[in-house]
Protein backbone atom coordinates (compact mmCIF):
# COMPACT_ATOMS: atom_id res chain seq x y z
CA MET A 1 -38.51 -25.26 -54.17
CA LYS A 2 -38.02 -25.10 -57.94
CA ILE A 3 -39.29 -22.01 -59.80
CA LEU A 4 -39.49 -21.44 -63.55
CA SER A 5 -39.80 -17.83 -64.72
CA ILE A 6 -41.20 -17.09 -68.21
CA PRO A 7 -41.51 -13.37 -69.06
CA LEU A 8 -43.46 -12.62 -72.25
CA LEU A 9 -41.46 -9.74 -73.73
CA ALA A 10 -41.52 -8.03 -77.11
CA HIS A 11 -38.01 -9.38 -77.79
CA ASP A 12 -35.23 -11.42 -76.17
CA ALA A 13 -37.27 -14.37 -74.89
CA SER A 14 -35.58 -16.04 -71.92
CA ILE A 15 -36.28 -18.35 -68.99
CA CYS A 16 -34.72 -18.72 -65.56
CA ILE A 17 -34.81 -21.67 -63.18
CA LEU A 18 -34.39 -20.89 -59.49
CA GLU A 19 -33.85 -23.97 -57.35
CA ASP A 20 -33.68 -23.54 -53.57
CA ASP A 21 -33.19 -19.79 -54.18
CA LYS A 22 -30.19 -20.32 -56.49
CA ILE A 23 -30.05 -19.92 -60.28
CA THR A 24 -29.43 -23.35 -61.79
CA SER A 25 -30.24 -22.57 -65.41
CA TYR A 26 -30.77 -19.59 -67.68
CA GLN A 27 -31.52 -19.81 -71.40
CA MET A 28 -32.26 -17.40 -74.25
CA GLU A 29 -34.32 -18.45 -77.26
CA GLU A 30 -32.10 -16.66 -79.80
CA ARG A 31 -29.10 -18.78 -78.82
CA PHE A 32 -30.93 -21.92 -79.98
CA SER A 33 -33.15 -20.61 -82.80
CA ARG A 34 -30.30 -18.45 -84.20
CA ASN A 35 -32.80 -15.61 -84.72
CA LYS A 36 -31.53 -12.42 -83.10
CA HIS A 37 -33.92 -11.03 -80.43
CA ASP A 38 -36.29 -13.97 -80.88
CA LEU A 39 -39.52 -13.49 -78.90
CA ASN A 40 -40.60 -17.13 -79.14
CA PHE A 41 -40.11 -19.85 -76.52
CA ASP A 42 -40.23 -22.94 -78.76
CA CYS A 43 -36.66 -24.13 -78.25
CA ILE A 44 -36.04 -23.26 -74.61
CA LEU A 45 -39.33 -24.70 -73.35
CA ASN A 46 -38.75 -27.86 -75.37
CA ASN A 47 -35.38 -28.15 -73.58
CA LEU A 48 -37.30 -28.48 -70.28
CA LYS A 49 -39.57 -31.33 -71.39
CA ASP A 50 -40.73 -33.57 -68.50
CA THR A 51 -39.13 -31.33 -65.82
CA PHE A 52 -41.05 -30.77 -62.55
CA PHE A 53 -41.49 -27.30 -61.04
CA ASN A 54 -43.13 -26.26 -57.78
CA LYS A 55 -44.06 -22.95 -59.33
CA ILE A 56 -44.18 -21.51 -62.87
CA ILE A 57 -44.47 -17.74 -63.20
CA ILE A 58 -45.62 -16.22 -66.48
CA THR A 59 -45.51 -12.44 -66.74
CA GLN A 60 -47.51 -10.80 -69.53
CA HIS A 61 -46.13 -7.92 -71.58
CA PHE A 62 -48.44 -5.06 -72.49
CA LEU A 63 -47.92 -5.42 -76.25
CA GLU A 64 -49.91 -8.56 -76.99
CA ASN A 65 -49.49 -8.22 -80.75
CA TYR A 66 -45.71 -8.29 -80.44
CA THR A 67 -45.23 -11.14 -78.02
CA TYR A 68 -45.46 -14.88 -77.79
CA SER A 69 -49.04 -15.41 -76.69
CA LEU A 70 -50.08 -16.67 -73.28
CA GLU A 71 -52.06 -19.43 -74.96
CA LYS A 72 -48.93 -20.70 -76.77
CA VAL A 73 -46.93 -20.77 -73.52
CA LYS A 74 -49.69 -22.63 -71.68
CA GLU A 75 -49.70 -25.15 -74.49
CA LYS A 76 -45.91 -25.54 -74.30
CA ILE A 77 -45.80 -26.07 -70.54
CA GLN A 78 -48.15 -29.02 -70.87
CA ASN A 79 -44.94 -30.99 -71.41
CA LEU A 80 -43.85 -29.96 -67.90
CA SER A 81 -45.04 -31.00 -64.47
CA TYR A 82 -45.87 -28.28 -61.99
CA LYS A 83 -47.77 -27.68 -58.77
CA GLU A 84 -48.71 -24.02 -59.17
CA LEU A 85 -49.08 -21.68 -62.16
CA ILE A 86 -49.01 -17.91 -61.61
CA VAL A 87 -49.96 -15.56 -64.44
CA GLU A 88 -49.44 -11.90 -63.68
CA LYS A 89 -48.99 -8.51 -65.28
CA GLU A 90 -45.38 -7.64 -65.96
CA ARG A 91 -43.49 -5.48 -63.45
CA HIS A 92 -40.76 -4.62 -65.93
CA HIS A 93 -38.62 -2.07 -64.11
CA LEU A 94 -39.14 -3.71 -60.74
CA TYR A 95 -37.88 -7.04 -62.11
CA HIS A 96 -34.81 -5.26 -63.52
CA ALA A 97 -34.18 -3.86 -60.05
CA TYR A 98 -34.64 -7.24 -58.36
CA SER A 99 -32.23 -8.90 -60.77
CA GLY A 100 -29.51 -6.32 -60.17
CA PHE A 101 -30.04 -6.07 -56.41
CA TYR A 102 -29.98 -9.76 -55.55
CA ASN A 103 -27.15 -10.47 -58.00
CA SER A 104 -25.09 -7.76 -56.26
CA GLY A 105 -25.08 -9.29 -52.79
CA PHE A 106 -25.90 -5.92 -51.19
CA ASP A 107 -28.15 -5.95 -48.13
CA GLU A 108 -29.48 -2.51 -49.08
CA ALA A 109 -29.16 -0.40 -52.22
CA ILE A 110 -30.64 2.27 -54.45
CA CYS A 111 -31.55 0.53 -57.71
CA PHE A 112 -31.85 2.35 -61.04
CA SER A 113 -33.84 0.75 -63.87
CA VAL A 114 -32.97 2.57 -67.08
CA ASP A 115 -33.94 1.31 -70.53
CA ALA A 116 -36.14 2.15 -73.52
CA SER A 117 -39.49 1.49 -71.84
CA GLY A 118 -41.12 -0.75 -69.30
CA ALA A 119 -44.60 -1.81 -68.32
CA ILE A 120 -47.95 -0.10 -68.74
CA LEU A 121 -49.13 1.28 -65.41
CA ASN A 122 -52.70 1.24 -64.09
CA ASN A 123 -53.26 4.85 -65.20
CA GLY A 124 -52.25 3.99 -68.76
CA ASP A 125 -48.78 5.59 -68.65
CA ILE A 126 -45.61 3.69 -69.54
CA GLU A 127 -42.46 3.38 -67.41
CA ILE A 128 -39.35 5.01 -68.84
CA GLU A 129 -37.19 5.46 -65.69
CA SER A 130 -37.57 4.01 -62.19
CA ILE A 131 -35.60 4.17 -58.95
CA TYR A 132 -36.16 1.79 -56.02
CA HIS A 133 -34.88 1.39 -52.50
CA LEU A 134 -34.40 -2.33 -51.91
CA ARG A 135 -33.51 -4.17 -48.72
CA ARG A 136 -32.93 -7.89 -48.51
CA ASN A 137 -36.11 -9.87 -47.78
CA GLN A 138 -38.18 -6.70 -47.49
CA ASN A 139 -40.67 -5.02 -49.78
CA GLU A 140 -39.27 -2.48 -52.19
CA LYS A 141 -39.90 1.26 -51.93
CA GLN A 142 -40.19 3.25 -55.13
CA LEU A 143 -38.34 6.57 -54.85
CA TYR A 144 -38.82 7.95 -58.35
CA GLN A 145 -40.58 7.17 -61.59
CA ARG A 146 -40.62 8.96 -64.92
CA THR A 147 -43.46 8.01 -67.22
CA ARG A 148 -45.23 9.25 -70.27
CA GLU A 149 -48.59 8.77 -71.84
CA PHE A 150 -48.96 5.58 -73.79
CA LYS A 151 -51.04 5.79 -76.95
CA THR A 152 -51.99 2.79 -79.01
CA ILE A 153 -50.47 3.65 -82.37
CA LYS A 154 -49.35 1.02 -84.85
CA VAL A 155 -46.84 1.86 -87.57
CA ASN A 156 -46.18 -0.88 -90.13
CA ASN A 157 -46.12 -3.49 -87.38
CA ASN A 158 -42.66 -2.25 -86.41
CA PHE A 159 -42.24 -2.28 -82.65
CA TRP A 160 -39.65 0.46 -82.33
CA LYS A 161 -41.33 2.84 -84.76
CA TYR A 162 -44.46 2.12 -82.78
CA ILE A 163 -42.77 3.18 -79.57
CA PHE A 164 -41.15 6.27 -81.06
CA SER A 165 -44.37 7.48 -82.57
CA ILE A 166 -45.93 7.76 -79.14
CA ASP A 167 -44.23 10.93 -77.99
CA GLU A 168 -40.89 11.94 -79.45
CA ASN A 169 -40.62 14.91 -77.10
CA ASN A 170 -40.34 12.73 -74.02
CA LEU A 171 -38.17 9.85 -75.12
CA SER A 172 -36.38 7.77 -72.51
CA VAL A 173 -32.61 7.33 -72.37
CA GLY A 174 -32.86 3.97 -74.12
CA GLU A 175 -35.32 5.20 -76.74
CA LYS A 176 -32.97 8.02 -77.69
CA PHE A 177 -30.21 5.55 -78.47
CA CYS A 178 -32.63 3.42 -80.48
CA LYS A 179 -33.87 6.48 -82.37
CA TYR A 180 -30.34 7.63 -83.22
CA SER A 181 -29.54 4.10 -84.37
CA GLU A 182 -32.45 4.13 -86.81
CA LEU A 183 -31.54 7.59 -88.07
CA PHE A 184 -28.05 6.31 -88.92
CA GLY A 185 -29.41 3.22 -90.65
CA TYR A 186 -28.62 0.74 -87.87
CA ASN A 187 -30.94 -1.73 -86.21
CA ALA A 188 -32.80 0.05 -83.42
CA ILE A 189 -31.89 -2.44 -80.70
CA ASP A 190 -28.38 -3.44 -81.72
CA GLY A 191 -27.29 -0.03 -82.95
CA ALA A 192 -26.88 1.44 -79.47
CA GLY A 193 -23.44 -0.16 -79.04
CA LYS A 194 -22.32 1.33 -82.35
CA ILE A 195 -23.49 4.78 -81.24
CA MET A 196 -21.48 4.42 -78.02
CA GLY A 197 -18.39 3.39 -79.97
CA LEU A 198 -18.70 6.29 -82.42
CA ALA A 199 -19.12 8.82 -79.60
CA GLN A 200 -15.53 8.26 -78.48
CA TYR A 201 -14.15 9.53 -81.81
CA LYS A 202 -15.37 13.08 -81.12
CA ASN A 203 -12.03 14.29 -79.78
CA HIS A 204 -9.98 11.79 -81.78
CA LYS A 205 -11.28 12.37 -85.29
CA GLN A 206 -7.95 11.49 -86.88
CA LYS A 207 -8.41 7.86 -85.79
CA LEU A 208 -11.70 7.47 -87.65
CA GLN A 209 -11.14 5.65 -90.93
CA TYR A 210 -14.12 7.37 -92.51
CA PRO A 211 -13.68 11.01 -93.66
CA TYR A 212 -14.77 13.08 -90.69
CA ASN A 213 -15.20 16.13 -92.89
CA SER A 214 -18.01 14.40 -94.77
CA LYS A 215 -21.42 15.59 -93.65
CA GLU A 216 -22.64 12.06 -92.91
CA TRP A 217 -19.83 11.03 -90.58
CA LYS A 218 -19.62 14.40 -88.87
CA GLN A 219 -23.30 14.07 -88.01
CA ARG A 220 -22.84 10.52 -86.78
CA VAL A 221 -19.89 11.27 -84.52
CA ASP A 222 -21.15 14.60 -83.21
CA GLY A 223 -24.66 13.28 -82.64
CA SER A 224 -23.37 10.15 -80.89
CA TYR A 225 -21.06 12.18 -78.65
CA ASN A 226 -23.78 14.65 -77.68
CA LEU A 227 -26.21 11.84 -76.92
CA GLN A 228 -23.64 10.02 -74.78
CA GLN A 229 -22.90 13.16 -72.78
CA GLU A 230 -26.56 14.08 -72.33
CA THR A 231 -27.72 10.67 -71.15
CA GLN A 232 -24.83 9.79 -68.85
CA ASN A 233 -25.01 13.19 -67.13
CA HIS A 234 -28.77 12.81 -66.70
CA ILE A 235 -28.36 9.47 -64.91
CA LEU A 236 -25.36 10.80 -62.96
CA ASN A 237 -27.49 13.62 -61.56
CA LEU A 238 -30.18 11.13 -60.51
CA ILE A 239 -27.59 8.98 -58.73
CA LYS A 240 -26.20 12.02 -56.91
CA LYS A 241 -29.66 13.20 -55.89
CA TYR A 242 -30.94 9.93 -54.45
CA THR A 243 -27.75 8.77 -52.76
CA GLU A 244 -27.51 12.16 -51.06
CA GLU A 245 -31.18 12.17 -50.03
CA THR A 246 -31.12 8.62 -48.64
CA GLY A 247 -27.54 8.43 -47.39
CA ILE A 248 -27.27 5.00 -49.06
CA LYS A 249 -24.01 4.52 -50.96
CA ASN A 250 -24.73 1.15 -52.58
CA VAL A 251 -25.93 1.76 -56.13
CA VAL A 252 -27.27 -0.80 -58.61
CA ILE A 253 -27.81 -0.11 -62.31
CA SER A 254 -29.98 -2.41 -64.39
CA GLY A 255 -32.00 -2.16 -67.57
CA GLY A 256 -30.44 -2.03 -71.01
CA TYR A 257 -28.57 1.23 -70.33
CA GLY A 258 -26.34 -0.75 -67.98
CA LEU A 259 -24.56 -2.01 -71.12
CA ASN A 260 -23.14 1.50 -71.62
CA CYS A 261 -19.58 0.85 -70.46
CA VAL A 262 -18.49 4.44 -71.06
CA ALA A 263 -21.22 5.78 -68.78
CA ASN A 264 -20.51 3.19 -66.09
CA TYR A 265 -16.86 4.24 -65.90
CA HIS A 266 -17.91 7.90 -65.87
CA TYR A 267 -20.01 7.26 -62.76
CA LEU A 268 -17.01 5.70 -61.01
CA LYS A 269 -14.87 8.74 -61.81
CA GLN A 270 -17.48 11.24 -60.66
CA LEU A 271 -18.84 9.40 -57.60
CA LYS A 272 -15.86 8.30 -55.57
CA ASP A 273 -17.81 7.54 -52.39
CA ILE A 274 -20.31 5.03 -53.80
CA ASP A 275 -20.17 1.26 -54.25
CA LEU A 276 -21.47 0.66 -57.79
CA TYR A 277 -22.81 -2.65 -59.10
CA VAL A 278 -23.90 -2.95 -62.72
CA ASP A 279 -26.08 -5.99 -63.33
CA PRO A 280 -24.24 -8.22 -65.86
CA ILE A 281 -27.60 -9.46 -67.20
CA CYS A 282 -29.13 -6.01 -67.23
CA PHE A 283 -30.93 -6.10 -70.59
CA ASP A 284 -34.50 -7.31 -71.10
CA ALA A 285 -33.60 -11.00 -71.13
CA GLY A 286 -32.61 -10.50 -67.49
CA ILE A 287 -36.24 -9.93 -66.58
CA ALA A 288 -36.58 -13.71 -66.21
CA ILE A 289 -34.05 -13.61 -63.35
CA GLY A 290 -35.69 -10.65 -61.63
CA ALA A 291 -39.14 -12.26 -61.78
CA ALA A 292 -37.77 -15.49 -60.31
CA TYR A 293 -36.13 -13.57 -57.46
CA TYR A 294 -39.35 -11.63 -56.85
CA HIS A 295 -41.25 -14.89 -56.32
CA SER A 296 -38.55 -16.58 -54.25
CA SER A 297 -39.90 -18.23 -51.10
CA ASP A 298 -37.08 -16.88 -48.94
CA LYS A 299 -35.18 -13.92 -50.41
CA SER A 300 -32.75 -13.91 -47.50
CA LYS A 301 -31.26 -17.13 -48.91
CA ILE A 302 -30.62 -15.78 -52.42
CA GLU A 303 -26.88 -15.87 -53.01
CA PRO A 304 -25.07 -13.12 -54.94
CA LEU A 305 -24.18 -14.01 -58.51
CA LYS A 306 -20.71 -15.62 -58.49
CA ASN A 307 -20.38 -15.78 -62.26
CA VAL A 308 -22.57 -15.72 -65.37
CA TYR A 309 -21.70 -19.23 -66.56
CA ILE A 310 -25.28 -20.39 -66.00
CA GLY A 311 -26.41 -21.19 -69.53
CA TYR A 312 -26.49 -24.32 -71.68
CA GLN A 313 -23.73 -26.93 -71.37
CA GLU A 314 -22.83 -29.45 -74.04
CA LYS A 315 -22.90 -33.03 -72.68
CA ASN A 316 -20.45 -34.33 -75.26
CA TYR A 317 -18.81 -33.27 -78.50
CA ASP A 318 -19.46 -35.22 -81.69
CA LEU A 319 -16.08 -35.03 -83.42
CA THR A 320 -16.98 -37.46 -86.18
CA GLY A 321 -15.50 -36.44 -89.53
CA LEU A 322 -13.63 -33.46 -88.07
CA GLU A 323 -9.89 -32.84 -88.16
CA THR A 324 -8.76 -32.93 -84.53
CA LYS A 325 -5.62 -33.22 -82.44
CA LYS A 326 -4.61 -33.13 -78.80
CA VAL A 327 -3.16 -29.78 -77.77
CA SER A 328 -1.74 -27.91 -74.79
CA TYR A 329 -2.07 -24.28 -73.74
CA ASP A 330 1.32 -23.75 -75.34
CA ASP A 331 0.06 -25.03 -78.70
CA ILE A 332 -2.88 -22.60 -78.65
CA VAL A 333 -0.64 -19.67 -77.75
CA ASN A 334 1.61 -20.52 -80.69
CA LEU A 335 -1.42 -20.31 -82.99
CA LEU A 336 -2.27 -16.90 -81.55
CA LEU A 337 1.30 -15.72 -82.05
CA GLN A 338 0.90 -16.54 -85.75
CA LYS A 339 -2.01 -14.04 -86.00
CA ASN A 340 -4.72 -16.68 -86.00
CA ILE A 341 -8.15 -16.23 -84.48
CA VAL A 342 -8.88 -19.10 -82.09
CA ALA A 343 -12.44 -19.86 -81.03
CA LEU A 344 -12.76 -20.97 -77.40
CA PHE A 345 -15.70 -23.22 -76.48
CA GLN A 346 -16.21 -24.79 -73.04
CA GLY A 347 -18.62 -25.37 -70.15
CA LYS A 348 -21.86 -23.52 -69.62
CA SER A 349 -22.53 -20.54 -71.86
CA GLU A 350 -22.38 -17.00 -70.51
CA ALA A 351 -25.64 -15.28 -69.61
CA GLY A 352 -25.83 -11.71 -70.80
CA GLN A 353 -24.35 -9.88 -73.76
CA ARG A 354 -20.61 -10.44 -73.16
CA ALA A 355 -18.41 -13.36 -74.12
CA LEU A 356 -16.34 -14.14 -71.04
CA GLY A 357 -14.20 -17.10 -72.02
CA ASN A 358 -16.70 -19.90 -72.60
CA ARG A 359 -17.99 -18.77 -76.00
CA SER A 360 -15.17 -16.45 -77.13
CA LEU A 361 -13.00 -15.58 -80.11
CA LEU A 362 -9.37 -14.86 -79.13
CA PHE A 363 -6.63 -12.89 -80.86
CA ASP A 364 -3.19 -11.44 -80.11
CA PRO A 365 -3.84 -7.88 -78.75
CA ARG A 366 -0.34 -6.73 -79.73
CA VAL A 367 -1.07 -6.83 -83.48
CA SER A 368 -1.26 -3.22 -84.64
CA ASN A 369 -4.02 -3.82 -87.18
CA GLY A 370 -5.68 -6.52 -85.10
CA LYS A 371 -8.94 -4.60 -84.81
CA ASP A 372 -9.25 -4.40 -88.59
CA ILE A 373 -8.44 -8.08 -89.03
CA VAL A 374 -11.02 -9.30 -86.52
CA ASN A 375 -13.70 -6.83 -87.62
CA GLN A 376 -13.27 -8.11 -91.17
CA ILE A 377 -13.59 -11.72 -90.07
CA LYS A 378 -16.62 -10.99 -87.89
CA LYS A 379 -18.24 -8.84 -90.59
CA ARG A 380 -18.49 -5.76 -88.33
CA GLU A 381 -18.01 -2.07 -89.02
CA ASN A 382 -14.32 -1.22 -88.81
CA PHE A 383 -14.81 1.63 -86.32
CA ARG A 384 -16.01 -0.76 -83.61
CA PRO A 385 -13.55 -1.56 -80.77
CA PHE A 386 -12.76 -4.85 -79.07
CA ALA A 387 -12.48 -5.92 -75.46
CA GLY A 388 -9.68 -7.65 -73.62
CA THR A 389 -9.37 -10.22 -70.85
CA ILE A 390 -6.53 -9.82 -68.38
CA LEU A 391 -5.20 -11.73 -65.39
CA GLN A 392 -6.76 -10.02 -62.38
CA GLU A 393 -3.48 -9.73 -60.47
CA GLU A 394 -1.95 -7.78 -63.39
CA VAL A 395 -4.77 -5.41 -64.31
CA HIS A 396 -3.72 -2.46 -62.13
CA LYS A 397 -0.39 -2.27 -63.99
CA TRP A 398 -2.15 -1.70 -67.33
CA PHE A 399 -5.49 0.03 -66.70
CA ASN A 400 -6.88 2.61 -64.29
CA MET A 401 -9.40 0.61 -62.30
CA LEU A 402 -10.34 3.56 -60.06
CA SER A 403 -12.18 2.02 -57.08
CA LEU A 404 -12.72 -1.36 -58.75
CA LYS A 405 -10.96 -4.44 -57.39
CA GLU A 406 -12.09 -6.56 -60.32
CA SER A 407 -14.11 -6.36 -63.52
CA PRO A 408 -15.29 -9.91 -64.28
CA TYR A 409 -18.17 -8.90 -66.60
CA MET A 410 -16.65 -6.31 -69.00
CA GLN A 411 -18.86 -3.47 -67.80
CA TYR A 412 -16.44 -0.53 -67.83
CA ALA A 413 -14.52 1.22 -70.63
CA MET A 414 -11.54 2.11 -68.47
CA ASN A 415 -8.56 4.33 -69.19
CA ALA A 416 -5.47 2.52 -70.40
CA TYR A 417 -2.01 3.38 -69.11
CA GLU A 418 0.77 4.24 -71.57
CA ASN A 419 2.23 0.72 -71.59
CA ALA A 420 -1.16 -0.70 -72.64
CA ILE A 421 -1.62 1.94 -75.35
CA GLU A 422 1.77 1.06 -76.78
CA GLN A 423 1.76 -2.73 -76.36
CA VAL A 424 -1.84 -3.86 -76.96
CA PRO A 425 -3.15 -1.50 -79.67
CA ALA A 426 -5.67 -4.03 -81.00
CA ILE A 427 -7.92 -3.57 -77.95
CA ILE A 428 -7.40 0.15 -77.28
CA HIS A 429 -10.19 2.40 -78.54
CA ALA A 430 -9.83 5.85 -80.10
CA ASP A 431 -10.03 7.56 -76.69
CA ASN A 432 -7.39 5.23 -75.16
CA THR A 433 -9.90 3.14 -73.24
CA CYS A 434 -10.66 -0.55 -73.22
CA ARG A 435 -13.59 -2.66 -72.05
CA ILE A 436 -11.73 -5.08 -69.77
CA GLN A 437 -12.64 -8.41 -68.19
CA THR A 438 -10.50 -9.58 -65.29
CA VAL A 439 -10.20 -13.32 -64.73
CA THR A 440 -8.94 -15.53 -61.91
CA GLN A 441 -8.10 -19.22 -61.68
CA GLU A 442 -11.23 -19.78 -59.59
CA GLN A 443 -13.55 -18.00 -62.06
CA ASN A 444 -12.37 -19.75 -65.24
CA SER A 445 -9.36 -22.01 -64.86
CA HIS A 446 -8.78 -22.93 -68.52
CA PHE A 447 -9.08 -19.35 -69.71
CA TYR A 448 -6.82 -18.13 -66.91
CA ASN A 449 -4.19 -20.78 -67.68
CA LEU A 450 -4.23 -19.96 -71.39
CA ILE A 451 -3.67 -16.24 -70.73
CA SER A 452 -0.93 -17.11 -68.22
CA CYS A 453 0.84 -19.12 -70.90
CA PHE A 454 0.56 -16.16 -73.31
CA PHE A 455 1.95 -13.93 -70.54
CA GLU A 456 4.98 -16.20 -70.08
CA LYS A 457 5.79 -16.06 -73.78
CA THR A 458 5.13 -12.36 -74.46
CA GLY A 459 5.16 -10.41 -71.19
CA VAL A 460 1.56 -9.35 -71.93
CA PRO A 461 -1.02 -10.78 -69.46
CA MET A 462 -4.08 -10.42 -71.67
CA LEU A 463 -5.80 -11.47 -74.88
CA MET A 464 -8.28 -9.83 -77.21
CA ASN A 465 -11.63 -11.40 -76.38
CA THR A 466 -14.76 -10.95 -78.46
CA SER A 467 -17.99 -12.87 -78.80
CA PHE A 468 -18.03 -16.17 -80.70
CA ASN A 469 -20.39 -15.14 -83.49
CA LEU A 470 -20.45 -13.25 -86.74
CA GLY A 471 -21.97 -9.81 -87.24
CA GLY A 472 -25.71 -9.75 -86.58
CA GLU A 473 -25.78 -13.28 -85.14
CA PRO A 474 -26.44 -14.43 -81.56
CA LEU A 475 -23.60 -15.86 -79.50
CA VAL A 476 -23.04 -19.54 -80.32
CA GLU A 477 -24.64 -21.89 -77.82
CA THR A 478 -24.02 -25.47 -78.91
CA PHE A 479 -21.06 -27.33 -80.37
CA ASN A 480 -22.91 -27.64 -83.68
CA HIS A 481 -23.36 -23.85 -83.73
CA ALA A 482 -19.63 -23.47 -83.21
CA ILE A 483 -18.77 -25.81 -86.09
CA HIS A 484 -21.31 -24.10 -88.34
CA THR A 485 -19.72 -20.71 -87.61
CA LEU A 486 -16.26 -21.98 -88.53
CA LYS A 487 -17.53 -23.54 -91.75
CA ASN A 488 -19.15 -20.25 -92.76
CA SER A 489 -16.31 -17.92 -91.86
CA MET A 490 -12.56 -17.54 -92.18
CA ILE A 491 -12.06 -18.77 -88.60
CA GLU A 492 -10.11 -22.02 -88.75
CA TYR A 493 -9.46 -23.12 -85.18
CA LEU A 494 -11.81 -24.26 -82.41
CA TYR A 495 -10.25 -25.00 -79.02
CA LEU A 496 -12.02 -27.36 -76.60
CA PRO A 497 -9.93 -27.08 -73.41
CA GLU A 498 -12.00 -29.55 -71.37
CA ILE A 499 -10.85 -32.38 -73.66
CA GLU A 500 -7.55 -30.72 -74.69
CA THR A 501 -8.59 -30.83 -78.32
CA LEU A 502 -8.21 -28.52 -81.31
CA VAL A 503 -10.66 -28.75 -84.22
CA THR A 504 -9.32 -27.38 -87.51
CA ILE A 505 -11.43 -26.46 -90.53
CA LYS A 506 -9.13 -25.33 -93.36
CA ASN A 507 -11.43 -24.80 -96.30
CA LYS A 508 -11.00 -21.10 -96.86
CA LYS A 509 -8.35 -18.73 -98.11
CA LEU A 510 -7.43 -16.23 -95.44
CA LEU A 511 -7.78 -12.69 -96.73
CA TYR A 512 -5.88 -10.90 -94.01
CA GLN A 513 -2.47 -12.55 -94.32
């Protein structure tokens, strides 16, 4: 049984292929079109040309004027072969819950879908928070739903202003972050991460490079902090209430709010008796996965997600005209020790919002001004922090993992111990936390071996790891995207570990040395 899921969303177009109840492919349009939050399906459906599917599921979003039309999709899938076509109304929050639940491997869980907004219900209201009780291979039970009236109001054809104009007195958790982002001049969708980063300066004002005593930055930091506290405590109270009422200790968080690493760690600290799973593909592009799971022929056979390396894979690298040489892990570490950024490109791309070693930019975390260097190169605001990837067997010596045994998807901003604060300042945020990915040999052998080599040379078992892109751009997907990024940035080195090759593009003057 081969299922193709195509959710028509207002942004972040994606598809998922489920074959014999296992994800075999996941693709996002923006990765190929290079248009952030692309709602079209032109590239990713073209990638499937002549493929046969037993079942194609198309779910329709409620905002027809803001989505890729059903007619366009039907035209595109004429290039495919299929036995059955199902067109249905979107079950937005339910699909979020299904994605998180079946990725988790739990047999039973309370699932929280928290984002900006979901689907239009039969009574005309719109979902803004939903809680489900899910059991493997059984129908879901909805425990809670917060909605508000949906009014058809159009404001300059801008989706987010359209949403906010509906009812500002009853905004969802996600909408509040989008609203604050717009107020501060950031993009409504992408600004949420900046708000979360700014919030952590509240009690560490001296570390903010902007003058905190200025009215603008005081408002930004204070507002961000208050919003972070308000929203995470609201969700915390819901988790407490429904785990106590049901007696179920397995908790799943999905929806875009699952990207809030600070909140996720807060839940671990406050709820010591629960088993928490945060869906690594929790944002709207994950709807494709949830819809595929929902239509699975035998949900009991769905395997938990082992990793998120389920995206596009380059068949071969065209190195024609490029400066290349054979290299070892040791050679790459030596480049890092010389304060170079090294781009890492290998295997299938990561699904979700985090770079986890297949489409990553790497840097030495010990460099005191490393954050400033990499932010400059990536064209990001200099207050934004960076993540780190650490050997799993070493993580407990450097960071407080609380109840976590591993953190393979960078979903928690965890407290750093003193040795980490002192030795890896480039990845430690203002509040002495770091968004950490743990890695094992089994999960990503090349990445693990590279960090091990760095560990042998420095005594530090981790590297700074950030997404292979520039500010405002999607994560690179193809080899050509990777080369294009190097040619249009001050990044000089591209490491291809599968063929033990380094590509060098030295056509720029480095500003940070």
